[in-house]
Amino acid sequence: MRQGMRWLGGLAVLVLLAGAAQAATTWTVVTNQDCTGVGAPAGCCTAAGQGYCNRIKAAGNEMMVFATFAANSGATYTTNGDTPAVTQLAKLGLNMLLPGQVCRESVGRTPVLVRSSTPLDVSGHASSSTLKIVLYNSGNTQVGSGDSITLETVECQLFGY
């Protein structure tokens, strides 16, 4: 009986570990309203409900958005990146996202937003998104599939209208 219980206990631990390793990253757009304090949940937060998250500046007929994307708690990296939900992209305050961006990541990785070379609908009306956040370590190697990226943030300068 004890051997059977020990085996079942070991199986439960194995199932939990296997399940945890498969969790994809959920990227959320951090807004000032999401801030709970200085640096929480992202470096753009200056106090509860305040910060410089998701700032929008006019640039002629286009807009420049300084957006912060935060990985969820328990996030593990997926090879070739994960796609932010359309509802999160709608928080950017743009209708279309244009090619060209500059990004930096909170722990020194190099983030790249991978997308097509045509404008991308980020209004929240699209059924899906082709935008992916892909992370690279030093030496230009992609972060390993399954590596923890819990609570890491990516700050980007985006262009759109």
Foldseek 3Di string as FASTA:
>chain_A
DVVVVVVVVVVVVVVVVVVLLPAAWAKAWDDLQQDDQCQPLHNQHHGHSDGCAFDWDDDDVKIKTWIKIWTAASHWAAVVFDFHWLVRLLVSVFQWWAPDKAKAKDPGWGKDWDDDNGIWGSNSPDPGGPTGIWTAHPVRHTPDRSHDPHSMMMIMTTMHD
